[in-house]
C-alpha atoms as a PDB file:
ATOM      1  CA  MET A   1      28.110  36.299 -80.469  1.00  0.00           C
ATOM      2  CA  ASN A   2      25.194  35.068 -78.434  1.00  0.00           C
ATOM      3  CA  GLU A   3      23.205  37.098 -75.931  1.00  0.00           C
ATOM      4  CA  ILE A   4      24.650  35.340 -72.872  1.00  0.00           C
ATOM      5  CA  SER A   5      28.283  36.076 -73.738  1.00  0.00           C
ATOM      6  CA  GLU A   6      27.400  39.709 -74.457  1.00  0.00           C
ATOM      7  CA  VAL A   7      25.846  40.005 -71.012  1.00  0.00           C
ATOM      8  CA  ASN A   8      28.840  38.339 -69.334  1.00  0.00           C
ATOM      9  CA  GLU A   9      31.261  40.700 -71.121  1.00  0.00           C
ATOM     10  CA  ALA A  10      29.181  43.671 -70.043  1.00  0.00           C
ATOM     11  CA  GLU A  11      29.096  42.413 -66.454  1.00  0.00           C
ATOM     12  CA  THR A  12      32.863  41.814 -66.483  1.00  0.00           C
ATOM     13  CA  GLY A  13      33.509  45.331 -67.811  1.00  0.00           C
ATOM     14  CA  VAL A  14      31.259  46.878 -65.195  1.00  0.00           C
ATOM     15  CA  ASN A  15      32.736  44.735 -62.381  1.00  0.00           C
ATOM     16  CA  GLU A  16      36.193  46.120 -63.206  1.00  0.00           C
ATOM     17  CA  VAL A  17      35.034  49.520 -61.927  1.00  0.00           C
ATOM     18  CA  GLY A  18      34.251  48.000 -58.506  1.00  0.00           C
ATOM     19  CA  ILE A  19      37.606  46.216 -58.447  1.00  0.00           C
ATOM     20  CA  ARG A  20      39.399  49.453 -59.389  1.00  0.00           C
ATOM     21  CA  ILE A  21      37.527  51.429 -56.706  1.00  0.00           C
ATOM     22  CA  LYS A  22      38.469  48.810 -54.096  1.00  0.00           C
ATOM     23  CA  LYS A  23      42.110  48.869 -55.142  1.00  0.00           C
ATOM     24  CA  ILE A  24      42.396  52.657 -55.046  1.00  0.00           C
ATOM     25  CA  ARG A  25      40.510  52.817 -51.746  1.00  0.00           C
ATOM     26  CA  GLU A  26      42.867  50.316 -50.154  1.00  0.00           C
ATOM     27  CA  GLU A  27      45.958  52.009 -51.642  1.00  0.00           C
ATOM     28  CA  LYS A  28      44.815  55.300 -50.075  1.00  0.00           C
ATOM     29  CA  GLY A  29      44.006  53.658 -46.739  1.00  0.00           C
ATOM     30  CA  ILE A  30      40.325  54.623 -46.902  1.00  0.00           C
ATOM     31  CA  SER A  31      37.898  52.307 -45.145  1.00  0.00           C
ATOM     32  CA  GLN A  32      34.648  50.975 -46.559  1.00  0.00           C
ATOM     33  CA  GLU A  33      32.906  52.529 -43.574  1.00  0.00           C
ATOM     34  CA  PHE A  34      34.200  56.004 -44.474  1.00  0.00           C
ATOM     35  CA  LEU A  35      33.086  55.728 -48.103  1.00  0.00           C
ATOM     36  CA  ALA A  36      29.753  54.300 -47.001  1.00  0.00           C
ATOM     37  CA  SER A  37      29.191  57.289 -44.740  1.00  0.00           C
ATOM     38  CA  CYS A  38      30.064  59.655 -47.621  1.00  0.00           C
ATOM     39  CA  LEU A  39      27.407  57.911 -49.699  1.00  0.00           C
ATOM     40  CA  ASN A  40      24.879  57.785 -46.815  1.00  0.00           C
ATOM     41  CA  ILE A  41      24.633  53.993 -47.030  1.00  0.00           C
ATOM     42  CA  THR A  42      25.652  51.175 -44.684  1.00  0.00           C
ATOM     43  CA  GLN A  43      29.047  49.554 -44.881  1.00  0.00           C
ATOM     44  CA  SER A  44      27.497  46.261 -46.009  1.00  0.00           C
ATOM     45  CA  ASN A  45      25.689  48.043 -48.858  1.00  0.00           C
ATOM     46  CA  TYR A  46      28.945  49.759 -49.836  1.00  0.00           C
ATOM     47  CA  GLY A  47      30.728  46.362 -49.802  1.00  0.00           C
ATOM     48  CA  ARG A  48      28.104  45.124 -52.275  1.00  0.00           C
ATOM     49  CA  LEU A  49      28.818  48.092 -54.553  1.00  0.00           C
ATOM     50  CA  GLU A  50      32.480  47.048 -54.838  1.00  0.00           C
ATOM     51  CA  LYS A  51      31.467  43.420 -55.571  1.00  0.00           C
ATOM     52  CA  ASP A  52      28.523  44.160 -57.878  1.00  0.00           C
ATOM     53  CA  ASP A  53      29.123  47.613 -59.241  1.00  0.00           C
ATOM     54  CA  SER A  54      26.196  47.427 -61.629  1.00  0.00           C
ATOM     55  CA  ARG A  55      24.409  49.036 -58.662  1.00  0.00           C
ATOM     56  CA  LEU A  56      26.650  52.152 -58.921  1.00  0.00           C
ATOM     57  CA  SER A  57      24.811  55.249 -60.028  1.00  0.00           C
ATOM     58  CA  ALA A  58      26.466  58.262 -61.643  1.00  0.00           C
ATOM     59  CA  PRO A  59      26.010  60.439 -58.517  1.00  0.00           C
ATOM     60  CA  ARG A  60      27.622  57.714 -56.384  1.00  0.00           C
ATOM     61  CA  LEU A  61      30.482  57.349 -58.799  1.00  0.00           C
ATOM     62  CA  MET A  62      31.074  61.081 -58.655  1.00  0.00           C
ATOM     63  CA  ILE A  63      31.179  61.077 -54.836  1.00  0.00           C
ATOM     64  CA  ILE A  64      33.515  58.051 -54.765  1.00  0.00           C
ATOM     65  CA  ALA A  65      35.810  59.678 -57.335  1.00  0.00           C
ATOM     66  CA  LYS A  66      35.885  62.889 -55.302  1.00  0.00           C
ATOM     67  CA  VAL A  67      36.693  61.073 -52.042  1.00  0.00           C
ATOM     68  CA  LEU A  68      39.395  58.977 -53.772  1.00  0.00           C
ATOM     69  CA  LYS A  69      40.708  62.122 -55.526  1.00  0.00           C
ATOM     70  CA  VAL A  70      40.522  60.591 -59.004  1.00  0.00           C
ATOM     71  CA  SER A  71      38.374  61.328 -62.040  1.00  0.00           C
ATOM     72  CA  VAL A  72      35.323  59.218 -62.836  1.00  0.00           C
ATOM     73  CA  SER A  73      36.946  58.337 -66.156  1.00  0.00           C
ATOM     74  CA  TYR A  74      39.919  56.967 -64.207  1.00  0.00           C
ATOM     75  CA  LEU A  75      37.566  54.653 -62.365  1.00  0.00           C
ATOM     76  CA  PHE A  76      36.548  53.290 -65.794  1.00  0.00           C
ATOM     77  CA  GLY A  77      40.200  52.686 -66.734  1.00  0.00           C
ATOM     78  CA  GLU A  78      41.119  55.844 -68.607  1.00  0.00           C
ATOM     79  CA  SER A  79      44.788  56.449 -67.989  1.00  0.00           C
ATOM     80  CA  ALA A  80      46.054  59.770 -66.715  1.00  0.00           C
ATOM     81  CA  SER A  81      48.125  60.199 -69.889  1.00  0.00           C
ATOM     82  CA  LYS A  82      44.968  60.052 -72.029  1.00  0.00           C
ATOM     83  CA  ILE A  83      43.365  62.702 -69.852  1.00  0.00           C
ATOM     84  CA  ILE A  84      46.497  64.872 -69.947  1.00  0.00           C
ATOM     85  CA  ASN A  85      46.712  64.453 -73.728  1.00  0.00           C
ATOM     86  CA  GLN A  86      43.070  65.476 -74.054  1.00  0.00           C
ATOM     87  CA  SER A  87      43.752  68.498 -71.862  1.00  0.00           C
ATOM     88  CA  ASN A  88      46.804  69.370 -73.941  1.00  0.00           C
ATOM     89  CA  ASN A  89      44.767  69.019 -77.126  1.00  0.00           C
ATOM     90  CA  GLU A  90      42.137  71.355 -75.731  1.00  0.00           C
ATOM     91  CA  THR A  91      44.877  73.859 -74.827  1.00  0.00           C
ATOM     92  CA  ALA A  92      46.408  73.519 -78.270  1.00  0.00           C
ATOM     93  CA  ASN A  93      43.010  73.995 -79.892  1.00  0.00           C
ATOM     94  CA  ALA A  94      42.344  77.092 -77.807  1.00  0.00           C
ATOM     95  CA  TYR A  95      45.762  78.441 -78.851  1.00  0.00           C
ATOM     96  CA  ASN A  96      44.985  77.688 -82.516  1.00  0.00           C
ATOM     97  CA  VAL A  97      41.617  79.450 -82.254  1.00  0.00           C
ATOM     98  CA  GLU A  98      43.304  82.484 -80.657  1.00  0.00           C
ATOM     99  CA  THR A  99      45.946  82.521 -83.432  1.00  0.00           C
ATOM    100  CA  ILE A 100      43.291  82.351 -86.134  1.00  0.00           C
ATOM    101  CA  ILE A 101      41.292  85.130 -84.503  1.00  0.00           C
ATOM    102  CA  ASN A 102      44.392  87.354 -84.297  1.00  0.00           C
ATOM    103  CA  ALA A 103      45.256  86.548 -87.918  1.00  0.00           C
ATOM    104  CA  ASP A 104      41.740  87.478 -88.976  1.00  0.00           C
ATOM    105  CA  LYS A 105      41.939  90.733 -87.000  1.00  0.00           C
ATOM    106  CA  ASP A 106      45.224  91.556 -88.751  1.00  0.00           C
ATOM    107  CA  HIS A 107      43.717  90.737 -92.129  1.00  0.00           C
ATOM    108  CA  ILE A 108      40.705  92.968 -91.398  1.00  0.00           C
ATOM    109  CA  THR A 109      43.010  95.822 -90.413  1.00  0.00           C
ATOM    110  CA  THR A 110      45.020  95.397 -93.593  1.00  0.00           C
ATOM    111  CA  LEU A 111      41.835  95.398 -95.705  1.00  0.00           C
ATOM    112  CA  LYS A 112      40.592  98.547 -93.953  1.00  0.00           C
ATOM    113  CA  ASN A 113      43.900 100.264 -94.687  1.00  0.00           C
ATOM    114  CA  GLU A 114      43.706  99.241 -98.352  1.00  0.00           C
ATOM    115  CA  ILE A 115      40.129 100.536 -98.585  1.00  0.00           C
ATOM    116  CA  ASP A 116      41.183 103.855 -97.041  1.00  0.00           C
ATOM    117  CA  PHE A 117      44.096 104.092 -99.480  1.00  0.00           C
ATOM    118  CA  LEU A 118      41.880 103.327-102.481  1.00  0.00           C
ATOM    119  CA  ARG A 119      39.294 105.897-101.301  1.00  0.00           C
ATOM    120  CA  GLY A 120      42.094 108.446-101.131  1.00  0.00           C
ATOM    121  CA  VAL A 121      43.263 107.603-104.648  1.00  0.00           C
ATOM    122  CA  LEU A 122      39.691 107.775-105.945  1.00  0.00           C
ATOM    123  CA  LYS A 123      39.114 111.104-104.228  1.00  0.00           C
ATOM    124  CA  GLU A 124      42.275 112.538-105.827  1.00  0.00           C
ATOM    125  CA  LYS A 125      41.211 111.307-109.251  1.00  0.00           C
ATOM    126  CA  LEU A 126      37.764 112.782-108.868  1.00  0.00           C
ATOM    127  CA  SER A 127      39.090 116.115-107.593  1.00  0.00           C
ATOM    128  CA  SER A 128      41.664 116.381-110.402  1.00  0.00           C
ATOM    129  CA  ARG A 129      38.832 116.088-112.979  1.00  0.00           C
ATOM    130  CA  ASP A 130      37.113 119.168-111.623  1.00  0.00           C
END
């Protein structure tokens, strides 16, 4: 692949964010003027962001996502189901960690009881020798 096609693919991928922002903004009935005021820029500058989103910075993306009530990853095309699955995986992992910790605590308690029992047996053996 040559350098020009790589750049065009990158530009297309980035431009999709601006298109997605515009679509969500319009679906929610939010004006360019309102988002521009949230970003402390003019409406014409905001319009350029939607058309050429290579100008979008991370802080601006975070503000736009907050105003549109979506995640930044959603603006990049991550579906809600992927985000939910990730959240569910994190919950499952937390549950697994908790289960392992509890199993370890139970194992430690069992080992302590066995040690106490063996100490008692040893003490009896030693006292019966005397």
